[in-house]
Each structure stands twice: as C-alpha cells, then as structure tokens.
N, C-alpha and C. Protein backbone atom coordinates (compact mmCIF):
# COMPACT_ATOMS: atom_id res chain seq x y z
N MET A 1 2.00 -27.94 -8.08
CA MET A 1 0.80 -28.20 -7.31
C MET A 1 -0.09 -29.12 -8.17
N PRO A 2 -0.66 -30.13 -7.57
CA PRO A 2 -1.50 -31.04 -8.36
C PRO A 2 -2.69 -30.31 -8.96
N GLU A 3 -3.11 -30.79 -10.11
CA GLU A 3 -4.23 -30.19 -10.82
C GLU A 3 -5.48 -30.17 -9.89
N GLY A 4 -6.15 -29.05 -9.86
CA GLY A 4 -7.35 -28.90 -9.03
C GLY A 4 -7.08 -28.51 -7.59
N ALA A 5 -5.84 -28.61 -7.13
CA ALA A 5 -5.54 -28.34 -5.75
C ALA A 5 -5.76 -26.85 -5.37
N ALA A 6 -5.37 -25.96 -6.26
CA ALA A 6 -5.53 -24.53 -5.97
C ALA A 6 -7.01 -24.21 -5.73
N GLU A 7 -7.86 -24.68 -6.56
CA GLU A 7 -9.29 -24.41 -6.43
C GLU A 7 -9.81 -25.05 -5.14
N ARG A 8 -9.42 -26.27 -4.89
CA ARG A 8 -9.88 -27.01 -3.73
C ARG A 8 -9.49 -26.34 -2.43
N TRP A 9 -8.28 -25.79 -2.38
CA TRP A 9 -7.74 -25.25 -1.15
C TRP A 9 -7.85 -23.69 -1.11
N GLY A 10 -8.44 -23.09 -2.13
CA GLY A 10 -8.54 -21.63 -2.15
C GLY A 10 -7.27 -20.89 -2.33
N VAL A 11 -6.33 -21.50 -3.06
CA VAL A 11 -5.03 -20.89 -3.34
C VAL A 11 -5.12 -20.09 -4.62
N VAL A 12 -4.64 -18.89 -4.59
CA VAL A 12 -4.61 -18.06 -5.79
C VAL A 12 -3.23 -18.22 -6.45
N VAL A 13 -3.18 -18.53 -7.72
CA VAL A 13 -1.96 -18.72 -8.46
C VAL A 13 -1.77 -17.56 -9.42
N VAL A 14 -0.64 -16.90 -9.32
CA VAL A 14 -0.27 -15.87 -10.29
C VAL A 14 0.76 -16.56 -11.24
N PRO A 15 0.34 -16.81 -12.49
CA PRO A 15 1.18 -17.62 -13.35
C PRO A 15 2.40 -16.95 -13.88
N LEU A 16 3.44 -17.71 -14.11
CA LEU A 16 4.60 -17.28 -14.85
C LEU A 16 4.24 -17.21 -16.32
N GLN A 17 4.98 -16.42 -17.07
CA GLN A 17 4.83 -16.46 -18.53
C GLN A 17 5.79 -17.53 -19.02
N VAL A 18 5.33 -18.35 -19.92
CA VAL A 18 6.14 -19.42 -20.51
C VAL A 18 6.16 -19.12 -22.02
N VAL A 19 7.34 -18.99 -22.59
CA VAL A 19 7.46 -18.74 -24.02
C VAL A 19 7.99 -20.02 -24.67
N VAL A 20 7.19 -20.57 -25.56
CA VAL A 20 7.53 -21.80 -26.24
C VAL A 20 7.67 -21.49 -27.72
N GLY A 21 8.89 -21.62 -28.24
CA GLY A 21 9.09 -21.34 -29.65
C GLY A 21 8.61 -19.94 -30.06
N GLY A 22 8.77 -18.99 -29.18
CA GLY A 22 8.37 -17.61 -29.47
C GLY A 22 6.93 -17.28 -29.18
N GLU A 23 6.14 -18.23 -28.76
CA GLU A 23 4.74 -18.03 -28.47
C GLU A 23 4.54 -17.95 -26.93
N ARG A 24 3.89 -16.88 -26.47
CA ARG A 24 3.71 -16.65 -25.04
C ARG A 24 2.47 -17.39 -24.52
N HIS A 25 2.66 -17.97 -23.35
CA HIS A 25 1.56 -18.69 -22.64
C HIS A 25 1.62 -18.31 -21.20
N LEU A 26 0.56 -18.58 -20.47
CA LEU A 26 0.53 -18.41 -19.00
C LEU A 26 0.58 -19.81 -18.39
N GLU A 27 1.54 -20.00 -17.54
CA GLU A 27 1.74 -21.28 -16.89
C GLU A 27 0.44 -21.79 -16.25
N GLY A 28 0.06 -22.98 -16.61
CA GLY A 28 -1.09 -23.61 -16.04
C GLY A 28 -2.44 -23.11 -16.58
N TRP A 29 -2.41 -22.18 -17.52
CA TRP A 29 -3.70 -21.64 -18.04
C TRP A 29 -3.93 -22.10 -19.48
N ASP A 30 -3.00 -21.80 -20.35
CA ASP A 30 -3.22 -22.08 -21.76
C ASP A 30 -2.12 -22.92 -22.40
N LEU A 31 -1.40 -23.67 -21.55
CA LEU A 31 -0.34 -24.50 -22.06
C LEU A 31 -0.40 -25.84 -21.31
N PRO A 32 -1.02 -26.83 -21.90
CA PRO A 32 -1.14 -28.14 -21.24
C PRO A 32 0.26 -28.70 -20.98
N PRO A 33 0.44 -29.37 -19.84
CA PRO A 33 1.74 -29.97 -19.50
C PRO A 33 2.29 -30.86 -20.63
N ALA A 34 1.39 -31.62 -21.26
CA ALA A 34 1.88 -32.52 -22.32
C ALA A 34 2.49 -31.72 -23.50
N GLU A 35 1.89 -30.55 -23.79
CA GLU A 35 2.42 -29.71 -24.86
C GLU A 35 3.78 -29.15 -24.50
N LEU A 36 3.95 -28.75 -23.27
CA LEU A 36 5.22 -28.26 -22.81
C LEU A 36 6.29 -29.35 -22.83
N THR A 37 5.90 -30.53 -22.38
CA THR A 37 6.84 -31.67 -22.38
C THR A 37 7.24 -32.03 -23.80
N ALA A 38 6.30 -32.02 -24.71
CA ALA A 38 6.62 -32.32 -26.14
C ALA A 38 7.57 -31.29 -26.71
N ALA A 39 7.34 -30.02 -26.39
CA ALA A 39 8.25 -28.98 -26.87
C ALA A 39 9.67 -29.21 -26.36
N LEU A 40 9.78 -29.49 -25.07
CA LEU A 40 11.12 -29.70 -24.51
C LEU A 40 11.76 -30.93 -25.10
N THR A 41 10.98 -31.97 -25.27
CA THR A 41 11.53 -33.24 -25.86
C THR A 41 12.03 -33.02 -27.29
N HIS A 42 11.39 -32.11 -28.02
CA HIS A 42 11.79 -31.90 -29.41
C HIS A 42 12.75 -30.71 -29.58
N GLY A 43 13.28 -30.25 -28.45
CA GLY A 43 14.30 -29.22 -28.52
C GLY A 43 13.82 -27.81 -28.84
N VAL A 44 12.53 -27.58 -28.68
CA VAL A 44 12.02 -26.22 -28.89
C VAL A 44 12.47 -25.34 -27.77
N ARG A 45 12.85 -24.12 -28.07
CA ARG A 45 13.32 -23.17 -27.07
C ARG A 45 12.16 -22.80 -26.14
N VAL A 46 12.41 -22.97 -24.87
CA VAL A 46 11.41 -22.64 -23.85
C VAL A 46 12.06 -21.73 -22.80
N THR A 47 11.42 -20.60 -22.50
CA THR A 47 11.91 -19.68 -21.49
C THR A 47 10.70 -19.25 -20.62
N THR A 48 11.04 -18.71 -19.47
CA THR A 48 10.00 -18.19 -18.59
C THR A 48 10.32 -16.76 -18.23
N SER A 49 9.29 -16.12 -17.74
CA SER A 49 9.41 -14.72 -17.28
C SER A 49 8.49 -14.52 -16.07
N GLN A 50 8.99 -13.86 -15.07
CA GLN A 50 8.20 -13.66 -13.84
C GLN A 50 6.99 -12.74 -14.13
N PRO A 51 5.96 -12.88 -13.36
CA PRO A 51 4.79 -11.98 -13.50
C PRO A 51 5.24 -10.56 -13.11
N ALA A 52 4.53 -9.60 -13.63
CA ALA A 52 4.79 -8.18 -13.23
C ALA A 52 4.29 -7.96 -11.82
N PRO A 53 4.89 -7.04 -11.10
CA PRO A 53 4.39 -6.71 -9.76
C PRO A 53 2.89 -6.43 -9.72
N ALA A 54 2.41 -5.81 -10.79
CA ALA A 54 0.98 -5.48 -10.84
C ALA A 54 0.08 -6.72 -10.78
N ALA A 55 0.57 -7.84 -11.32
CA ALA A 55 -0.23 -9.11 -11.27
C ALA A 55 -0.34 -9.58 -9.83
N PHE A 56 0.76 -9.45 -9.08
CA PHE A 56 0.70 -9.82 -7.65
C PHE A 56 -0.13 -8.87 -6.88
N ALA A 57 -0.02 -7.56 -7.18
CA ALA A 57 -0.79 -6.57 -6.45
C ALA A 57 -2.27 -6.80 -6.63
N GLU A 58 -2.68 -7.18 -7.85
CA GLU A 58 -4.10 -7.45 -8.12
C GLU A 58 -4.55 -8.65 -7.29
N ALA A 59 -3.75 -9.70 -7.28
CA ALA A 59 -4.13 -10.89 -6.51
C ALA A 59 -4.17 -10.59 -5.00
N TYR A 60 -3.22 -9.87 -4.52
CA TYR A 60 -3.23 -9.49 -3.10
C TYR A 60 -4.42 -8.61 -2.75
N ALA A 61 -4.73 -7.65 -3.63
CA ALA A 61 -5.87 -6.73 -3.39
C ALA A 61 -7.20 -7.53 -3.39
N ARG A 62 -7.31 -8.50 -4.25
CA ARG A 62 -8.54 -9.33 -4.30
C ARG A 62 -8.65 -10.12 -2.99
N ALA A 63 -7.53 -10.66 -2.53
CA ALA A 63 -7.57 -11.45 -1.28
C ALA A 63 -7.95 -10.55 -0.12
N ALA A 64 -7.38 -9.34 -0.06
CA ALA A 64 -7.73 -8.43 1.02
C ALA A 64 -9.20 -8.04 0.94
N ALA A 65 -9.68 -7.76 -0.27
CA ALA A 65 -11.09 -7.40 -0.46
C ALA A 65 -12.05 -8.52 -0.07
N SER A 66 -11.56 -9.74 -0.15
CA SER A 66 -12.34 -10.93 0.19
C SER A 66 -12.27 -11.26 1.70
N GLY A 67 -11.53 -10.43 2.43
CA GLY A 67 -11.49 -10.60 3.85
C GLY A 67 -10.16 -11.14 4.42
N ALA A 68 -9.16 -11.37 3.59
CA ALA A 68 -7.88 -11.84 4.10
C ALA A 68 -7.31 -10.78 5.00
N ARG A 69 -6.82 -11.19 6.16
CA ARG A 69 -6.18 -10.23 7.10
C ARG A 69 -4.65 -10.30 6.95
N GLU A 70 -4.17 -11.40 6.42
CA GLU A 70 -2.74 -11.52 6.06
C GLU A 70 -2.65 -12.49 4.88
N ILE A 71 -1.56 -12.36 4.14
CA ILE A 71 -1.34 -13.15 2.95
C ILE A 71 0.00 -13.84 3.03
N VAL A 72 0.06 -15.10 2.70
CA VAL A 72 1.29 -15.87 2.55
C VAL A 72 1.48 -16.07 1.06
N SER A 73 2.61 -15.64 0.52
CA SER A 73 2.85 -15.69 -0.92
C SER A 73 4.17 -16.48 -1.11
N VAL A 74 4.04 -17.68 -1.64
CA VAL A 74 5.18 -18.62 -1.79
C VAL A 74 5.66 -18.63 -3.27
N HIS A 75 7.00 -18.51 -3.42
CA HIS A 75 7.52 -18.36 -4.80
C HIS A 75 8.77 -19.19 -5.07
N LEU A 76 9.01 -19.35 -6.37
CA LEU A 76 10.23 -19.97 -6.85
C LEU A 76 11.41 -19.19 -6.27
N SER A 77 12.46 -19.86 -6.02
CA SER A 77 13.68 -19.27 -5.42
C SER A 77 14.11 -17.98 -6.08
N GLY A 78 14.41 -16.95 -5.30
CA GLY A 78 14.93 -15.70 -5.80
C GLY A 78 16.24 -15.84 -6.51
N GLU A 79 16.96 -16.98 -6.26
CA GLU A 79 18.20 -17.24 -6.96
C GLU A 79 17.96 -17.70 -8.42
N LEU A 80 16.77 -18.12 -8.70
CA LEU A 80 16.42 -18.64 -10.03
C LEU A 80 15.53 -17.71 -10.84
N SER A 81 14.88 -16.78 -10.17
CA SER A 81 13.84 -15.96 -10.83
C SER A 81 13.70 -14.61 -10.10
N GLY A 82 13.17 -13.64 -10.81
CA GLY A 82 12.85 -12.38 -10.22
C GLY A 82 11.47 -12.31 -9.63
N THR A 83 10.79 -13.47 -9.53
CA THR A 83 9.42 -13.52 -9.04
C THR A 83 9.31 -13.03 -7.61
N VAL A 84 10.24 -13.42 -6.74
CA VAL A 84 10.19 -12.99 -5.36
C VAL A 84 10.25 -11.47 -5.28
N ARG A 85 11.14 -10.88 -6.00
CA ARG A 85 11.27 -9.41 -5.98
C ARG A 85 10.00 -8.72 -6.44
N ALA A 86 9.39 -9.26 -7.50
CA ALA A 86 8.14 -8.70 -8.04
C ALA A 86 7.05 -8.78 -6.95
N ALA A 87 6.98 -9.90 -6.23
CA ALA A 87 6.00 -10.09 -5.17
C ALA A 87 6.29 -9.13 -4.03
N GLN A 88 7.54 -8.93 -3.67
CA GLN A 88 7.90 -8.01 -2.61
C GLN A 88 7.50 -6.60 -2.96
N LEU A 89 7.70 -6.16 -4.17
CA LEU A 89 7.29 -4.83 -4.60
C LEU A 89 5.80 -4.67 -4.50
N ALA A 90 5.06 -5.69 -4.94
CA ALA A 90 3.60 -5.63 -4.92
C ALA A 90 3.09 -5.56 -3.47
N ALA A 91 3.75 -6.27 -2.58
CA ALA A 91 3.33 -6.32 -1.19
C ALA A 91 3.32 -4.95 -0.54
N LEU A 92 4.16 -4.06 -1.03
CA LEU A 92 4.22 -2.71 -0.46
C LEU A 92 2.93 -1.89 -0.66
N ALA A 93 2.12 -2.29 -1.64
CA ALA A 93 0.95 -1.50 -1.99
C ALA A 93 -0.36 -2.13 -1.51
N VAL A 94 -0.26 -3.10 -0.60
CA VAL A 94 -1.45 -3.81 -0.14
C VAL A 94 -1.79 -3.41 1.27
N PRO A 95 -3.07 -3.29 1.61
CA PRO A 95 -3.45 -2.83 2.96
C PRO A 95 -3.36 -3.90 4.06
N VAL A 96 -2.91 -5.11 3.72
CA VAL A 96 -2.74 -6.15 4.74
C VAL A 96 -1.30 -6.66 4.66
N PRO A 97 -0.78 -7.24 5.75
CA PRO A 97 0.57 -7.80 5.71
C PRO A 97 0.67 -8.94 4.68
N VAL A 98 1.75 -8.91 3.91
CA VAL A 98 2.00 -9.98 2.96
C VAL A 98 3.38 -10.59 3.31
N HIS A 99 3.34 -11.89 3.56
CA HIS A 99 4.60 -12.62 3.89
C HIS A 99 5.07 -13.30 2.62
N VAL A 100 6.11 -12.76 1.99
CA VAL A 100 6.63 -13.29 0.78
C VAL A 100 7.69 -14.34 1.12
N ILE A 101 7.46 -15.57 0.70
CA ILE A 101 8.35 -16.72 0.99
C ILE A 101 9.17 -17.02 -0.22
N ASP A 102 10.48 -16.99 -0.06
CA ASP A 102 11.42 -17.35 -1.10
C ASP A 102 11.81 -18.81 -0.87
N SER A 103 11.28 -19.67 -1.75
CA SER A 103 11.56 -21.10 -1.54
C SER A 103 12.94 -21.51 -2.00
C-alpha cells in the first residue's frame, strides 16, 4: 500500500514482524523500506512472522467500538503465511461480522 494511504482511507494495518539479521521490527513501523532493501541486497537474513491472533482481535475490537458494523480483513495468501488463519481465529471473538480475505 502506498505510504500514507492507510491513514488517508481509514485502513487499519496489523503489521507483520520482520526479522533482519536477528533484530525484530514491525513492518511499516520501525523498518524503513530502504533499510530492508539494503539488508536484502547485502545478503542479510530476513524472515517474517505473522501477527498473533490477539493483534487482529484488538484491531477488530477497535473498529467495532468505533462503529464498524462489518469488517473486511485482507491478507497475504494463506499458502504463503499463517496470517489468514490468525485473522480467522481473531474474527471468532469479535461482536461484528469479519470477512477474512485470503489474497
């Protein structure tokens, strides 16, 4: 998503964890794209980890508390990551319908 788009469109982003050379970061929060690109270019080991279901549950609960009557939650393919499953688990605990989209 282009920088600033989430804020402009009111999209809530639950970041993936990105581990660069053993150091944990949150995608889009504390790891500038240029730093990630440099790490990859220099052969630094980079891995990712899906957010915990609790992170999705918190985001969904905030949306519901702000008046959302339904939530659309779009994610990285379930074939590539456990993110979709974490979102599905979180959706079970929210008082509004959550439509989890596996891209």
